[in-house]
Amino acid sequence: MHAKDILIDGFDRIREEVHAAVEGLGPDVLDARPAPGANSVAWLVWHLTRVQDDHVAGAFGLDQVWLAQDWEKRFGLDLPPEDTGYGHSGAQVARVRVPDAALLTGYHDAVHTQTLTALRALTAADLERVVDERWDPPVTLGVRLVSVLSDDLQHVGQAAYVRGILQSADA
């Protein structure tokens, strides 16, 4: 198995978990926050998808799906277009509200498609290419992709946990 195949498998698993975390939920559950200051399922999935979109597009020199395919307009959030949710306050988290799960999965699937297209063209040498010199040591493409996988997996696990809390409270 090649490194790109492992990365593709990892991003495929994130997509599966995103769908499992949001499908069947209405806006009341998607946007609910289990405690003051907590993140909603909608915010967690939006954020992990925005980070993947931002970081993969930047690393491969692509346009972000969020802007290029008008997802920013479809969501209609009261946030700057380039916002990924990093460092959001509770008030900013509350602005990420969605009408249905299909909006979240649609955006995630569009980002997933772009991610897989980029990954399929990878060579082993590409993974050593420096994509961010603001760090010491500079970040390579391989490190950036593993970082995105890690961040996405953490947030989709959080989304599944929040879903479980909210659904058990309704039972």
N, C-alpha and C. Protein backbone atom coordinates (compact mmCIF):
# COMPACT_ATOMS: atom_id res chain seq x y z
N MET A 1 0.85 -1.17 0.00
CA MET A 1 0.00 0.00 0.00
C MET A 1 0.89 1.24 0.00
N HIS A 2 0.55 2.20 -0.84
CA HIS A 2 1.30 3.45 -0.92
C HIS A 2 0.76 4.46 0.07
N ALA A 3 1.59 5.43 0.42
CA ALA A 3 1.17 6.47 1.38
C ALA A 3 -0.10 7.16 0.92
N LYS A 4 -0.22 7.44 -0.38
CA LYS A 4 -1.43 8.14 -0.84
C LYS A 4 -2.66 7.28 -0.64
N ASP A 5 -2.52 5.97 -0.72
CA ASP A 5 -3.67 5.08 -0.49
C ASP A 5 -4.11 5.11 0.97
N ILE A 6 -3.15 5.22 1.87
CA ILE A 6 -3.47 5.34 3.30
C ILE A 6 -4.19 6.66 3.56
N LEU A 7 -3.69 7.73 2.96
CA LEU A 7 -4.34 9.04 3.11
C LEU A 7 -5.75 9.03 2.54
N ILE A 8 -5.93 8.45 1.38
CA ILE A 8 -7.26 8.35 0.77
C ILE A 8 -8.19 7.58 1.68
N ASP A 9 -7.72 6.45 2.23
CA ASP A 9 -8.53 5.67 3.14
C ASP A 9 -8.92 6.49 4.37
N GLY A 10 -7.97 7.25 4.91
CA GLY A 10 -8.26 8.08 6.07
C GLY A 10 -9.33 9.13 5.78
N PHE A 11 -9.21 9.81 4.65
CA PHE A 11 -10.22 10.83 4.30
C PHE A 11 -11.56 10.19 3.96
N ASP A 12 -11.55 8.99 3.38
CA ASP A 12 -12.82 8.27 3.15
C ASP A 12 -13.51 7.95 4.48
N ARG A 13 -12.74 7.58 5.48
CA ARG A 13 -13.32 7.28 6.79
C ARG A 13 -13.92 8.53 7.44
N ILE A 14 -13.25 9.65 7.28
CA ILE A 14 -13.80 10.90 7.81
C ILE A 14 -15.15 11.18 7.15
N ARG A 15 -15.22 11.04 5.84
CA ARG A 15 -16.48 11.27 5.14
C ARG A 15 -17.59 10.37 5.68
N GLU A 16 -17.29 9.10 5.87
CA GLU A 16 -18.28 8.17 6.42
C GLU A 16 -18.77 8.62 7.79
N GLU A 17 -17.84 9.05 8.64
CA GLU A 17 -18.20 9.48 9.99
C GLU A 17 -18.97 10.80 10.00
N VAL A 18 -18.63 11.69 9.06
CA VAL A 18 -19.39 12.95 8.94
C VAL A 18 -20.85 12.62 8.62
N HIS A 19 -21.07 11.75 7.66
CA HIS A 19 -22.44 11.38 7.31
C HIS A 19 -23.15 10.73 8.50
N ALA A 20 -22.47 9.85 9.19
CA ALA A 20 -23.08 9.18 10.35
C ALA A 20 -23.42 10.18 11.46
N ALA A 21 -22.61 11.21 11.60
CA ALA A 21 -22.82 12.18 12.68
C ALA A 21 -23.99 13.11 12.42
N VAL A 22 -24.32 13.37 11.16
CA VAL A 22 -25.34 14.39 10.89
C VAL A 22 -26.62 13.88 10.23
N GLU A 23 -26.55 12.78 9.52
CA GLU A 23 -27.73 12.33 8.77
C GLU A 23 -28.90 12.06 9.71
N GLY A 24 -30.05 12.54 9.26
CA GLY A 24 -31.28 12.35 10.02
C GLY A 24 -31.54 13.42 11.07
N LEU A 25 -30.60 14.32 11.26
CA LEU A 25 -30.79 15.37 12.26
C LEU A 25 -31.44 16.60 11.63
N GLY A 26 -32.37 17.19 12.36
CA GLY A 26 -32.97 18.44 11.95
C GLY A 26 -32.20 19.60 12.54
N PRO A 27 -32.59 20.81 12.16
CA PRO A 27 -31.86 21.99 12.63
C PRO A 27 -31.84 22.15 14.14
N ASP A 28 -32.88 21.71 14.82
CA ASP A 28 -32.90 21.86 16.28
C ASP A 28 -31.76 21.10 16.95
N VAL A 29 -31.47 19.90 16.46
CA VAL A 29 -30.37 19.11 17.03
C VAL A 29 -29.04 19.55 16.45
N LEU A 30 -28.98 19.80 15.15
CA LEU A 30 -27.72 20.22 14.51
C LEU A 30 -27.17 21.48 15.17
N ASP A 31 -28.03 22.42 15.48
CA ASP A 31 -27.59 23.71 15.99
C ASP A 31 -27.56 23.79 17.52
N ALA A 32 -28.04 22.76 18.19
CA ALA A 32 -28.08 22.79 19.66
C ALA A 32 -26.68 22.65 20.23
N ARG A 33 -26.47 23.32 21.34
CA ARG A 33 -25.20 23.23 22.06
C ARG A 33 -25.51 22.62 23.42
N PRO A 34 -24.88 21.51 23.76
CA PRO A 34 -25.26 20.78 24.98
C PRO A 34 -24.98 21.53 26.28
N ALA A 35 -24.18 22.56 26.22
CA ALA A 35 -23.86 23.38 27.40
C ALA A 35 -23.40 24.74 26.91
N PRO A 36 -23.51 25.76 27.75
CA PRO A 36 -22.99 27.07 27.34
C PRO A 36 -21.50 26.97 26.99
N GLY A 37 -21.14 27.54 25.88
CA GLY A 37 -19.75 27.50 25.43
C GLY A 37 -19.37 26.25 24.66
N ALA A 38 -20.26 25.28 24.60
CA ALA A 38 -19.97 24.04 23.86
C ALA A 38 -20.23 24.26 22.36
N ASN A 39 -19.66 23.40 21.55
CA ASN A 39 -19.86 23.46 20.11
C ASN A 39 -21.05 22.59 19.71
N SER A 40 -21.73 23.02 18.65
CA SER A 40 -22.84 22.24 18.10
C SER A 40 -22.31 21.23 17.09
N VAL A 41 -23.15 20.25 16.75
CA VAL A 41 -22.81 19.30 15.69
C VAL A 41 -22.56 20.07 14.39
N ALA A 42 -23.44 21.03 14.09
CA ALA A 42 -23.30 21.80 12.85
C ALA A 42 -21.96 22.54 12.82
N TRP A 43 -21.61 23.20 13.93
CA TRP A 43 -20.35 23.95 13.94
C TRP A 43 -19.16 22.99 13.77
N LEU A 44 -19.16 21.88 14.48
CA LEU A 44 -18.04 20.95 14.41
C LEU A 44 -17.83 20.42 13.00
N VAL A 45 -18.91 20.03 12.33
CA VAL A 45 -18.78 19.49 10.97
C VAL A 45 -18.43 20.59 9.98
N TRP A 46 -19.04 21.77 10.13
CA TRP A 46 -18.68 22.89 9.27
C TRP A 46 -17.19 23.22 9.44
N HIS A 47 -16.74 23.33 10.68
CA HIS A 47 -15.35 23.69 10.97
C HIS A 47 -14.38 22.65 10.41
N LEU A 48 -14.60 21.39 10.66
CA LEU A 48 -13.66 20.38 10.17
C LEU A 48 -13.60 20.38 8.65
N THR A 49 -14.73 20.65 8.02
CA THR A 49 -14.76 20.70 6.56
C THR A 49 -14.07 21.96 6.05
N ARG A 50 -14.28 23.08 6.73
CA ARG A 50 -13.61 24.32 6.34
C ARG A 50 -12.09 24.17 6.47
N VAL A 51 -11.63 23.55 7.55
CA VAL A 51 -10.19 23.36 7.74
C VAL A 51 -9.63 22.47 6.63
N GLN A 52 -10.31 21.36 6.35
CA GLN A 52 -9.85 20.48 5.28
C GLN A 52 -9.81 21.25 3.96
N ASP A 53 -10.87 21.97 3.66
CA ASP A 53 -10.95 22.74 2.41
C ASP A 53 -9.80 23.75 2.33
N ASP A 54 -9.62 24.54 3.39
CA ASP A 54 -8.59 25.57 3.43
C ASP A 54 -7.18 24.97 3.30
N HIS A 55 -6.90 23.96 4.10
CA HIS A 55 -5.54 23.42 4.14
C HIS A 55 -5.18 22.61 2.89
N VAL A 56 -6.10 21.82 2.40
CA VAL A 56 -5.82 21.02 1.20
C VAL A 56 -5.69 21.95 -0.01
N ALA A 57 -6.61 22.90 -0.14
CA ALA A 57 -6.52 23.85 -1.27
C ALA A 57 -5.20 24.61 -1.22
N GLY A 58 -4.82 25.08 -0.03
CA GLY A 58 -3.57 25.82 0.10
C GLY A 58 -2.35 24.97 -0.23
N ALA A 59 -2.35 23.74 0.22
CA ALA A 59 -1.20 22.86 0.01
C ALA A 59 -1.03 22.44 -1.45
N PHE A 60 -2.15 22.37 -2.17
CA PHE A 60 -2.09 21.92 -3.56
C PHE A 60 -2.25 23.07 -4.56
N GLY A 61 -2.37 24.30 -4.07
CA GLY A 61 -2.53 25.45 -4.97
C GLY A 61 -3.88 25.46 -5.67
N LEU A 62 -4.92 25.03 -4.98
CA LEU A 62 -6.27 24.97 -5.54
C LEU A 62 -7.14 26.06 -4.95
N ASP A 63 -8.26 26.33 -5.59
CA ASP A 63 -9.26 27.23 -5.03
C ASP A 63 -10.03 26.48 -3.96
N GLN A 64 -10.41 27.18 -2.90
CA GLN A 64 -11.25 26.56 -1.89
C GLN A 64 -12.64 26.30 -2.47
N VAL A 65 -13.16 25.12 -2.20
CA VAL A 65 -14.50 24.74 -2.63
C VAL A 65 -15.53 25.71 -2.04
N TRP A 66 -15.31 26.14 -0.79
CA TRP A 66 -16.21 27.06 -0.08
C TRP A 66 -16.54 28.28 -0.94
N LEU A 67 -15.53 28.84 -1.59
CA LEU A 67 -15.72 30.05 -2.39
C LEU A 67 -15.97 29.72 -3.86
N ALA A 68 -15.23 28.79 -4.41
CA ALA A 68 -15.31 28.49 -5.84
C ALA A 68 -16.65 27.88 -6.25
N GLN A 69 -17.28 27.14 -5.33
CA GLN A 69 -18.55 26.49 -5.65
C GLN A 69 -19.73 27.13 -4.91
N ASP A 70 -19.52 28.33 -4.40
CA ASP A 70 -20.57 29.13 -3.76
C ASP A 70 -21.18 28.52 -2.50
N TRP A 71 -20.44 27.66 -1.81
CA TRP A 71 -20.96 27.12 -0.55
C TRP A 71 -21.08 28.23 0.49
N GLU A 72 -20.20 29.19 0.43
CA GLU A 72 -20.28 30.32 1.36
C GLU A 72 -21.64 31.01 1.23
N LYS A 73 -22.13 31.18 0.02
CA LYS A 73 -23.44 31.81 -0.21
C LYS A 73 -24.57 30.87 0.21
N ARG A 74 -24.43 29.59 -0.04
CA ARG A 74 -25.48 28.63 0.33
C ARG A 74 -25.68 28.58 1.84
N PHE A 75 -24.57 28.65 2.58
CA PHE A 75 -24.67 28.63 4.04
C PHE A 75 -25.18 29.97 4.57
N GLY A 76 -24.78 31.06 3.95
CA GLY A 76 -25.24 32.38 4.35
C GLY A 76 -24.92 32.75 5.79
N LEU A 77 -23.73 32.39 6.24
CA LEU A 77 -23.34 32.66 7.62
C LEU A 77 -22.91 34.09 7.81
N ASP A 78 -23.12 34.60 8.98
CA ASP A 78 -22.69 35.96 9.32
C ASP A 78 -21.24 35.92 9.80
N LEU A 79 -20.36 35.49 8.88
CA LEU A 79 -18.93 35.35 9.16
C LEU A 79 -18.15 35.79 7.92
N PRO A 80 -16.89 36.21 8.09
CA PRO A 80 -16.08 36.54 6.91
C PRO A 80 -15.93 35.32 5.99
N PRO A 81 -15.87 35.53 4.68
CA PRO A 81 -15.80 34.41 3.73
C PRO A 81 -14.62 33.46 3.97
N GLU A 82 -13.50 33.98 4.47
CA GLU A 82 -12.31 33.14 4.66
C GLU A 82 -12.31 32.42 6.01
N ASP A 83 -13.30 32.65 6.84
CA ASP A 83 -13.34 32.09 8.19
C ASP A 83 -13.41 30.56 8.15
N THR A 84 -12.59 29.92 8.97
CA THR A 84 -12.62 28.46 9.09
C THR A 84 -13.13 28.01 10.46
N GLY A 85 -13.37 28.96 11.34
CA GLY A 85 -13.82 28.61 12.69
C GLY A 85 -12.72 28.52 13.71
N TYR A 86 -11.48 28.62 13.27
CA TYR A 86 -10.36 28.52 14.20
C TYR A 86 -10.43 29.66 15.22
N GLY A 87 -10.42 29.31 16.51
CA GLY A 87 -10.44 30.29 17.58
C GLY A 87 -11.77 30.97 17.80
N HIS A 88 -12.84 30.39 17.29
CA HIS A 88 -14.16 31.00 17.44
C HIS A 88 -14.57 31.15 18.90
N SER A 89 -15.20 32.28 19.18
CA SER A 89 -15.82 32.51 20.48
C SER A 89 -17.18 31.80 20.50
N GLY A 90 -17.78 31.75 21.66
CA GLY A 90 -19.12 31.16 21.76
C GLY A 90 -20.12 31.87 20.87
N ALA A 91 -20.02 33.19 20.78
CA ALA A 91 -20.94 33.95 19.93
C ALA A 91 -20.75 33.61 18.46
N GLN A 92 -19.50 33.40 18.05
CA GLN A 92 -19.25 33.03 16.66
C GLN A 92 -19.74 31.62 16.37
N VAL A 93 -19.55 30.71 17.32
CA VAL A 93 -20.06 29.34 17.16
C VAL A 93 -21.57 29.39 16.95
N ALA A 94 -22.25 30.23 17.70
CA ALA A 94 -23.71 30.34 17.61
C ALA A 94 -24.17 30.83 16.23
N ARG A 95 -23.31 31.51 15.48
CA ARG A 95 -23.68 32.00 14.15
C ARG A 95 -23.72 30.90 13.10
N VAL A 96 -23.11 29.77 13.39
CA VAL A 96 -23.09 28.66 12.43
C VAL A 96 -24.33 27.82 12.67
N ARG A 97 -25.35 28.15 11.90
CA ARG A 97 -26.65 27.47 11.98
C ARG A 97 -26.97 26.96 10.58
N VAL A 98 -27.50 25.75 10.51
CA VAL A 98 -27.81 25.17 9.20
C VAL A 98 -29.26 24.67 9.18
N PRO A 99 -29.90 24.75 8.01
CA PRO A 99 -31.30 24.32 7.93
C PRO A 99 -31.49 22.81 7.89
N ASP A 100 -30.47 22.09 7.42
CA ASP A 100 -30.60 20.63 7.36
C ASP A 100 -29.22 19.98 7.20
N ALA A 101 -29.19 18.69 7.45
CA ALA A 101 -27.95 17.93 7.38
C ALA A 101 -27.38 17.87 5.96
N ALA A 102 -28.26 17.92 4.96
CA ALA A 102 -27.81 17.81 3.57
C ALA A 102 -26.88 18.96 3.17
N LEU A 103 -27.05 20.12 3.76
CA LEU A 103 -26.13 21.23 3.47
C LEU A 103 -24.73 20.89 3.96
N LEU A 104 -24.63 20.36 5.16
CA LEU A 104 -23.32 19.98 5.71
C LEU A 104 -22.68 18.85 4.93
N THR A 105 -23.45 17.79 4.65
CA THR A 105 -22.86 16.66 3.92
C THR A 105 -22.56 17.03 2.47
N GLY A 106 -23.37 17.91 1.89
CA GLY A 106 -23.10 18.35 0.52
C GLY A 106 -21.77 19.08 0.42
N TYR A 107 -21.57 20.01 1.35
CA TYR A 107 -20.29 20.74 1.35
C TYR A 107 -19.13 19.79 1.64
N HIS A 108 -19.31 18.93 2.64
CA HIS A 108 -18.22 18.00 2.97
C HIS A 108 -17.91 17.10 1.76
N ASP A 109 -18.92 16.60 1.09
CA ASP A 109 -18.69 15.72 -0.06
C ASP A 109 -17.95 16.45 -1.19
N ALA A 110 -18.27 17.73 -1.40
CA ALA A 110 -17.58 18.51 -2.44
C ALA A 110 -16.10 18.69 -2.08
N VAL A 111 -15.83 18.96 -0.81
CA VAL A 111 -14.43 19.09 -0.35
C VAL A 111 -13.74 17.74 -0.45
N HIS A 112 -14.44 16.67 -0.06
CA HIS A 112 -13.88 15.32 -0.12
C HIS A 112 -13.48 14.98 -1.57
N THR A 113 -14.33 15.31 -2.51
CA THR A 113 -14.03 15.04 -3.92
C THR A 113 -12.75 15.76 -4.34
N GLN A 114 -12.63 17.04 -3.98
CA GLN A 114 -11.41 17.79 -4.34
C GLN A 114 -10.19 17.19 -3.65
N THR A 115 -10.35 16.81 -2.39
CA THR A 115 -9.23 16.21 -1.64
C THR A 115 -8.76 14.93 -2.32
N LEU A 116 -9.70 14.04 -2.66
CA LEU A 116 -9.31 12.77 -3.28
C LEU A 116 -8.68 12.98 -4.66
N THR A 117 -9.18 13.93 -5.42
CA THR A 117 -8.58 14.22 -6.72
C THR A 117 -7.12 14.64 -6.55
N ALA A 118 -6.86 15.49 -5.57
CA ALA A 118 -5.49 15.93 -5.30
C ALA A 118 -4.63 14.77 -4.82
N LEU A 119 -5.17 13.94 -3.93
CA LEU A 119 -4.39 12.83 -3.37
C LEU A 119 -4.06 11.78 -4.42
N ARG A 120 -4.96 11.53 -5.34
CA ARG A 120 -4.72 10.50 -6.36
C ARG A 120 -3.53 10.84 -7.26
N ALA A 121 -3.22 12.12 -7.37
CA ALA A 121 -2.09 12.55 -8.22
C ALA A 121 -0.77 12.60 -7.46
N LEU A 122 -0.78 12.31 -6.17
CA LEU A 122 0.43 12.40 -5.34
C LEU A 122 1.49 11.38 -5.72
N THR A 123 2.73 11.81 -5.60
CA THR A 123 3.86 10.89 -5.64
C THR A 123 4.51 10.90 -4.26
N ALA A 124 5.33 9.93 -3.99
CA ALA A 124 6.02 9.88 -2.70
C ALA A 124 6.86 11.14 -2.49
N ALA A 125 7.50 11.62 -3.53
CA ALA A 125 8.34 12.82 -3.42
C ALA A 125 7.51 14.05 -3.07
N ASP A 126 6.26 14.10 -3.54
CA ASP A 126 5.40 15.26 -3.23
C ASP A 126 5.20 15.44 -1.73
N LEU A 127 5.19 14.37 -0.98
CA LEU A 127 4.94 14.44 0.46
C LEU A 127 6.04 15.18 1.21
N GLU A 128 7.22 15.28 0.59
CA GLU A 128 8.35 16.00 1.22
C GLU A 128 8.36 17.49 0.89
N ARG A 129 7.50 17.91 -0.04
CA ARG A 129 7.47 19.33 -0.44
C ARG A 129 7.02 20.20 0.73
N VAL A 130 7.74 21.27 0.98
CA VAL A 130 7.39 22.21 2.06
C VAL A 130 6.19 23.05 1.60
N VAL A 131 5.15 23.08 2.44
CA VAL A 131 3.94 23.83 2.12
C VAL A 131 3.71 25.01 3.06
N ASP A 132 4.48 25.08 4.16
CA ASP A 132 4.29 26.16 5.12
C ASP A 132 5.61 26.41 5.84
N GLU A 133 6.21 27.55 5.56
CA GLU A 133 7.50 27.88 6.16
C GLU A 133 7.38 28.70 7.44
N ARG A 134 6.16 28.92 7.91
CA ARG A 134 5.96 29.70 9.13
C ARG A 134 6.30 28.92 10.39
N TRP A 135 6.60 27.66 10.27
CA TRP A 135 6.88 26.80 11.42
C TRP A 135 8.34 26.38 11.40
N ASP A 136 8.83 25.94 12.55
CA ASP A 136 10.19 25.43 12.65
C ASP A 136 10.13 24.05 13.28
N PRO A 137 10.34 22.99 12.54
CA PRO A 137 10.75 22.99 11.13
C PRO A 137 9.57 23.31 10.20
N PRO A 138 9.87 23.70 8.96
CA PRO A 138 8.81 23.96 8.00
C PRO A 138 7.93 22.72 7.80
N VAL A 139 6.66 22.96 7.48
CA VAL A 139 5.68 21.88 7.35
C VAL A 139 5.71 21.33 5.92
N THR A 140 5.85 20.02 5.83
CA THR A 140 5.79 19.36 4.52
C THR A 140 4.35 19.00 4.19
N LEU A 141 4.11 18.66 2.95
CA LEU A 141 2.78 18.25 2.52
C LEU A 141 2.31 17.03 3.31
N GLY A 142 3.20 16.07 3.52
CA GLY A 142 2.82 14.87 4.28
C GLY A 142 2.39 15.21 5.69
N VAL A 143 3.14 16.07 6.36
CA VAL A 143 2.80 16.48 7.72
C VAL A 143 1.48 17.25 7.73
N ARG A 144 1.28 18.13 6.75
CA ARG A 144 0.03 18.91 6.69
C ARG A 144 -1.17 17.98 6.52
N LEU A 145 -1.06 17.00 5.65
CA LEU A 145 -2.18 16.09 5.41
C LEU A 145 -2.50 15.25 6.65
N VAL A 146 -1.48 14.79 7.35
CA VAL A 146 -1.72 14.03 8.58
C VAL A 146 -2.33 14.94 9.65
N SER A 147 -1.91 16.19 9.69
CA SER A 147 -2.49 17.15 10.62
C SER A 147 -3.98 17.36 10.35
N VAL A 148 -4.34 17.48 9.08
CA VAL A 148 -5.75 17.65 8.72
C VAL A 148 -6.54 16.41 9.10
N LEU A 149 -5.99 15.24 8.81
CA LEU A 149 -6.66 13.99 9.20
C LEU A 149 -6.90 13.95 10.71
N SER A 150 -5.90 14.28 11.47
CA SER A 150 -6.00 14.26 12.92
C SER A 150 -7.08 15.23 13.41
N ASP A 151 -7.03 16.46 12.92
CA ASP A 151 -8.01 17.47 13.32
C ASP A 151 -9.42 17.04 12.94
N ASP A 152 -9.59 16.56 11.71
CA ASP A 152 -10.91 16.13 11.26
C ASP A 152 -11.45 14.97 12.09
N LEU A 153 -10.60 13.99 12.38
CA LEU A 153 -11.05 12.84 13.17
C LEU A 153 -11.46 13.25 14.58
N GLN A 154 -10.72 14.15 15.17
CA GLN A 154 -11.09 14.63 16.51
C GLN A 154 -12.45 15.32 16.47
N HIS A 155 -12.64 16.21 15.50
CA HIS A 155 -13.89 16.97 15.45
C HIS A 155 -15.09 16.11 15.05
N VAL A 156 -14.90 15.15 14.18
CA VAL A 156 -16.05 14.31 13.83
C VAL A 156 -16.41 13.40 15.01
N GLY A 157 -15.42 12.99 15.79
CA GLY A 157 -15.71 12.25 17.02
C GLY A 157 -16.47 13.10 18.02
N GLN A 158 -16.09 14.37 18.12
CA GLN A 158 -16.81 15.28 19.00
C GLN A 158 -18.25 15.46 18.53
N ALA A 159 -18.44 15.58 17.21
CA ALA A 159 -19.79 15.75 16.67
C ALA A 159 -20.65 14.53 16.99
N ALA A 160 -20.09 13.34 16.85
CA ALA A 160 -20.84 12.13 17.18
C ALA A 160 -21.18 12.09 18.66
N TYR A 161 -20.26 12.52 19.50
CA TYR A 161 -20.50 12.57 20.94
C TYR A 161 -21.61 13.57 21.29
N VAL A 162 -21.55 14.76 20.70
CA VAL A 162 -22.58 15.77 20.95
C VAL A 162 -23.93 15.25 20.47
N ARG A 163 -23.96 14.61 19.31
CA ARG A 163 -25.22 14.01 18.82
C ARG A 163 -25.77 13.04 19.85
N GLY A 164 -24.92 12.18 20.37
CA GLY A 164 -25.36 11.20 21.35
C GLY A 164 -25.90 11.84 22.62
N ILE A 165 -25.23 12.88 23.10
CA ILE A 165 -25.70 13.60 24.29
C ILE A 165 -27.08 14.19 24.03
N LEU A 166 -27.23 14.86 22.91
CA LEU A 166 -28.49 15.53 22.61
C LEU A 166 -29.62 14.53 22.39
N GLN A 167 -29.33 13.44 21.72
CA GLN A 167 -30.38 12.45 21.47
C GLN A 167 -30.75 11.70 22.75
N SER A 168 -29.79 11.47 23.63
CA SER A 168 -30.12 10.79 24.89
C SER A 168 -30.94 11.70 25.82
N ALA A 169 -30.73 13.01 25.70
CA ALA A 169 -31.50 13.96 26.51
C ALA A 169 -32.95 14.00 26.06
N ASP A 170 -33.20 13.69 24.77
CA ASP A 170 -34.56 13.70 24.25
C ASP A 170 -35.29 12.39 24.52
N ALA A 171 -34.53 11.35 24.88
CA ALA A 171 -35.15 10.02 25.05
C ALA A 171 -35.92 9.92 26.35
